[in-house]
Amino acid sequence: MSVIDIGGIKINYLSLQGLGRAVEAELANTDRRLAETLKELKRLRRARRALQQMLGGQKARPVQPAPAAGAAREPACASR
């Protein structure tokens, strides 16, 4: 059995190989999930562009949060 001493920590070489394979497998899974996420992001961007075209090129406005109960409202502009 091969044992490697790293800074006073003894590690079985076969365990180290197994750990390396596990890390490689996790990296492959992470790469796959990232690729799926990017694919979904592209799909959502295409859908957003299509909706904007259907709305005549209008930009989507962010939704304003409802004021909290009892909160003072801002006075309306006099120019309105």
N, C-alpha and C. Protein backbone atom coordinates (compact mmCIF):
# COMPACT_ATOMS: atom_id res chain seq x y z
N MET A 1 0.85 -1.17 0.00
CA MET A 1 0.00 0.00 0.00
C MET A 1 0.90 1.24 0.00
N SER A 2 0.65 2.15 -0.91
CA SER A 2 1.44 3.37 -1.01
C SER A 2 0.81 4.45 -0.14
N VAL A 3 1.63 5.05 0.68
CA VAL A 3 1.18 6.14 1.54
C VAL A 3 2.01 7.36 1.21
N ILE A 4 1.34 8.49 1.04
CA ILE A 4 2.01 9.75 0.74
C ILE A 4 1.92 10.62 1.99
N ASP A 5 3.03 11.25 2.35
CA ASP A 5 3.05 12.14 3.51
C ASP A 5 3.05 13.57 2.99
N ILE A 6 1.97 14.29 3.25
CA ILE A 6 1.87 15.68 2.80
C ILE A 6 1.78 16.55 4.05
N GLY A 7 2.86 17.22 4.36
CA GLY A 7 2.87 18.10 5.53
C GLY A 7 2.52 17.39 6.82
N GLY A 8 2.97 16.17 6.98
CA GLY A 8 2.70 15.42 8.20
C GLY A 8 1.39 14.65 8.16
N ILE A 9 0.62 14.81 7.09
CA ILE A 9 -0.65 14.08 6.94
C ILE A 9 -0.40 12.92 6.00
N LYS A 10 -0.67 11.73 6.49
CA LYS A 10 -0.46 10.53 5.68
C LYS A 10 -1.74 10.21 4.91
N ILE A 11 -1.59 10.09 3.60
CA ILE A 11 -2.74 9.82 2.72
C ILE A 11 -2.44 8.58 1.90
N ASN A 12 -3.38 7.67 1.87
CA ASN A 12 -3.27 6.48 1.03
C ASN A 12 -3.37 6.93 -0.42
N TYR A 13 -2.42 6.50 -1.25
CA TYR A 13 -2.38 6.91 -2.65
C TYR A 13 -3.65 6.52 -3.39
N LEU A 14 -4.18 5.33 -3.12
CA LEU A 14 -5.41 4.90 -3.79
C LEU A 14 -6.59 5.78 -3.38
N SER A 15 -6.62 6.21 -2.12
CA SER A 15 -7.68 7.12 -1.67
C SER A 15 -7.55 8.45 -2.39
N LEU A 16 -6.31 8.90 -2.58
CA LEU A 16 -6.07 10.16 -3.27
C LEU A 16 -6.54 10.06 -4.73
N GLN A 17 -6.29 8.92 -5.37
CA GLN A 17 -6.77 8.73 -6.74
C GLN A 17 -8.29 8.76 -6.79
N GLY A 18 -8.92 8.09 -5.83
CA GLY A 18 -10.39 8.09 -5.77
C GLY A 18 -10.95 9.48 -5.56
N LEU A 19 -10.28 10.26 -4.71
CA LEU A 19 -10.71 11.63 -4.47
C LEU A 19 -10.58 12.45 -5.76
N GLY A 20 -9.48 12.24 -6.49
CA GLY A 20 -9.29 12.95 -7.75
C GLY A 20 -10.38 12.63 -8.76
N ARG A 21 -10.76 11.36 -8.84
CA ARG A 21 -11.85 10.96 -9.75
C ARG A 21 -13.17 11.58 -9.33
N ALA A 22 -13.42 11.64 -8.02
CA ALA A 22 -14.66 12.24 -7.53
C ALA A 22 -14.71 13.73 -7.85
N VAL A 23 -13.57 14.41 -7.70
CA VAL A 23 -13.51 15.84 -8.02
C VAL A 23 -13.73 16.05 -9.52
N GLU A 24 -13.12 15.22 -10.35
CA GLU A 24 -13.31 15.33 -11.80
C GLU A 24 -14.76 15.10 -12.18
N ALA A 25 -15.41 14.12 -11.55
CA ALA A 25 -16.81 13.85 -11.84
C ALA A 25 -17.69 15.03 -11.44
N GLU A 26 -17.40 15.63 -10.29
CA GLU A 26 -18.18 16.78 -9.84
C GLU A 26 -17.98 17.97 -10.76
N LEU A 27 -16.76 18.18 -11.24
CA LEU A 27 -16.50 19.26 -12.19
C LEU A 27 -17.26 19.03 -13.49
N ALA A 28 -17.32 17.79 -13.95
CA ALA A 28 -18.07 17.48 -15.17
C ALA A 28 -19.55 17.77 -14.96
N ASN A 29 -20.09 17.41 -13.79
CA ASN A 29 -21.50 17.71 -13.50
C ASN A 29 -21.74 19.21 -13.44
N THR A 30 -20.80 19.94 -12.84
CA THR A 30 -20.93 21.39 -12.76
C THR A 30 -20.90 22.01 -14.15
N ASP A 31 -20.00 21.54 -15.01
CA ASP A 31 -19.94 22.03 -16.39
C ASP A 31 -21.25 21.76 -17.13
N ARG A 32 -21.81 20.58 -16.93
CA ARG A 32 -23.07 20.23 -17.59
C ARG A 32 -24.20 21.14 -17.11
N ARG A 33 -24.28 21.36 -15.80
CA ARG A 33 -25.34 22.22 -15.26
C ARG A 33 -25.17 23.66 -15.74
N LEU A 34 -23.93 24.13 -15.83
CA LEU A 34 -23.67 25.47 -16.32
C LEU A 34 -24.11 25.60 -17.78
N ALA A 35 -23.80 24.60 -18.59
CA ALA A 35 -24.21 24.62 -20.00
C ALA A 35 -25.73 24.66 -20.11
N GLU A 36 -26.42 23.89 -19.27
CA GLU A 36 -27.89 23.89 -19.28
C GLU A 36 -28.43 25.25 -18.86
N THR A 37 -27.80 25.87 -17.87
CA THR A 37 -28.24 27.18 -17.39
C THR A 37 -28.05 28.23 -18.49
N LEU A 38 -26.92 28.20 -19.17
CA LEU A 38 -26.68 29.15 -20.26
C LEU A 38 -27.67 28.95 -21.40
N LYS A 39 -28.00 27.70 -21.69
CA LYS A 39 -28.98 27.40 -22.74
C LYS A 39 -30.35 27.98 -22.35
N GLU A 40 -30.74 27.81 -21.09
CA GLU A 40 -32.01 28.35 -20.60
C GLU A 40 -32.00 29.88 -20.63
N LEU A 41 -30.87 30.50 -20.28
CA LEU A 41 -30.76 31.95 -20.32
C LEU A 41 -30.95 32.47 -21.75
N LYS A 42 -30.33 31.80 -22.72
CA LYS A 42 -30.49 32.20 -24.12
C LYS A 42 -31.95 32.07 -24.55
N ARG A 43 -32.61 30.99 -24.12
CA ARG A 43 -34.01 30.78 -24.47
C ARG A 43 -34.88 31.90 -23.88
N LEU A 44 -34.62 32.27 -22.63
CA LEU A 44 -35.39 33.34 -21.99
C LEU A 44 -35.14 34.69 -22.66
N ARG A 45 -33.91 34.94 -23.08
CA ARG A 45 -33.61 36.20 -23.78
C ARG A 45 -34.36 36.27 -25.11
N ARG A 46 -34.39 35.14 -25.83
CA ARG A 46 -35.14 35.11 -27.09
C ARG A 46 -36.62 35.37 -26.84
N ALA A 47 -37.17 34.77 -25.80
CA ALA A 47 -38.58 34.96 -25.47
C ALA A 47 -38.85 36.42 -25.10
N ARG A 48 -37.94 37.04 -24.35
CA ARG A 48 -38.11 38.45 -23.97
C ARG A 48 -38.10 39.34 -25.21
N ARG A 49 -37.16 39.07 -26.13
CA ARG A 49 -37.10 39.88 -27.36
C ARG A 49 -38.38 39.71 -28.18
N ALA A 50 -38.89 38.49 -28.25
CA ALA A 50 -40.12 38.25 -29.00
C ALA A 50 -41.29 39.00 -28.37
N LEU A 51 -41.36 39.00 -27.06
CA LEU A 51 -42.44 39.73 -26.38
C LEU A 51 -42.31 41.23 -26.60
N GLN A 52 -41.08 41.74 -26.58
CA GLN A 52 -40.88 43.17 -26.82
C GLN A 52 -41.31 43.54 -28.23
N GLN A 53 -41.04 42.68 -29.20
CA GLN A 53 -41.47 42.96 -30.57
C GLN A 53 -42.98 42.93 -30.67
N MET A 54 -43.61 42.00 -29.96
CA MET A 54 -45.07 41.92 -29.97
C MET A 54 -45.69 43.17 -29.35
N LEU A 55 -44.99 43.78 -28.41
CA LEU A 55 -45.48 45.00 -27.76
C LEU A 55 -45.08 46.24 -28.54
N GLY A 56 -44.57 46.07 -29.72
CA GLY A 56 -44.21 47.21 -30.56
C GLY A 56 -42.89 47.84 -30.16
N GLY A 57 -41.99 47.07 -29.64
CA GLY A 57 -40.68 47.59 -29.29
C GLY A 57 -40.63 48.30 -27.96
N GLN A 58 -41.74 48.29 -27.22
CA GLN A 58 -41.74 48.93 -25.90
C GLN A 58 -40.82 48.17 -24.96
N LYS A 59 -40.14 48.92 -24.15
CA LYS A 59 -39.30 48.29 -23.13
C LYS A 59 -40.20 47.91 -21.95
N ALA A 60 -39.92 46.77 -21.39
CA ALA A 60 -40.66 46.35 -20.21
C ALA A 60 -40.27 47.24 -19.04
N ARG A 61 -41.27 47.75 -18.33
CA ARG A 61 -41.00 48.60 -17.17
C ARG A 61 -40.97 47.74 -15.92
N PRO A 62 -40.05 48.05 -15.01
CA PRO A 62 -40.02 47.28 -13.76
C PRO A 62 -41.28 47.54 -12.94
N VAL A 63 -41.74 46.54 -12.25
CA VAL A 63 -42.94 46.67 -11.43
C VAL A 63 -42.55 47.39 -10.15
N GLN A 64 -43.32 48.42 -9.81
CA GLN A 64 -43.07 49.17 -8.58
C GLN A 64 -43.69 48.42 -7.41
N PRO A 65 -42.96 48.26 -6.32
CA PRO A 65 -43.55 47.57 -5.16
C PRO A 65 -44.67 48.40 -4.55
N ALA A 66 -45.68 47.74 -4.01
CA ALA A 66 -46.79 48.43 -3.37
C ALA A 66 -46.28 49.12 -2.11
N PRO A 67 -46.79 50.33 -1.82
CA PRO A 67 -46.34 51.02 -0.60
C PRO A 67 -46.80 50.24 0.63
N ALA A 68 -46.00 50.31 1.67
CA ALA A 68 -46.34 49.63 2.92
C ALA A 68 -47.56 50.28 3.54
N ALA A 69 -48.34 49.50 4.27
CA ALA A 69 -49.54 50.03 4.92
C ALA A 69 -49.14 51.14 5.88
N GLY A 70 -49.83 52.26 5.79
CA GLY A 70 -49.56 53.37 6.69
C GLY A 70 -48.38 54.23 6.28
N ALA A 71 -47.72 53.90 5.20
CA ALA A 71 -46.57 54.68 4.76
C ALA A 71 -47.06 55.97 4.12
N ALA A 72 -46.31 57.03 4.35
CA ALA A 72 -46.66 58.33 3.76
C ALA A 72 -46.44 58.27 2.27
N ARG A 73 -47.42 58.74 1.51
CA ARG A 73 -47.29 58.76 0.06
C ARG A 73 -46.60 60.04 -0.36
N GLU A 74 -45.86 59.96 -1.46
CA GLU A 74 -45.20 61.15 -1.98
C GLU A 74 -46.25 62.05 -2.61
N PRO A 75 -46.12 63.37 -2.42
CA PRO A 75 -47.09 64.27 -3.05
C PRO A 75 -46.94 64.22 -4.57
N ALA A 76 -48.06 64.35 -5.26
CA ALA A 76 -48.05 64.33 -6.73
C ALA A 76 -47.35 65.58 -7.24
N CYS A 77 -46.72 65.48 -8.40
CA CYS A 77 -46.06 66.62 -9.01
C CYS A 77 -47.11 67.64 -9.43
N ALA A 78 -46.80 68.90 -9.27
CA ALA A 78 -47.72 69.96 -9.66
C ALA A 78 -47.86 70.05 -11.16
N SER A 79 -46.86 69.55 -11.90
CA SER A 79 -46.90 69.66 -13.36
C SER A 79 -47.82 68.64 -13.99
N ARG A 80 -48.29 67.68 -13.24
CA ARG A 80 -49.17 66.65 -13.82
C ARG A 80 -50.53 67.14 -13.95
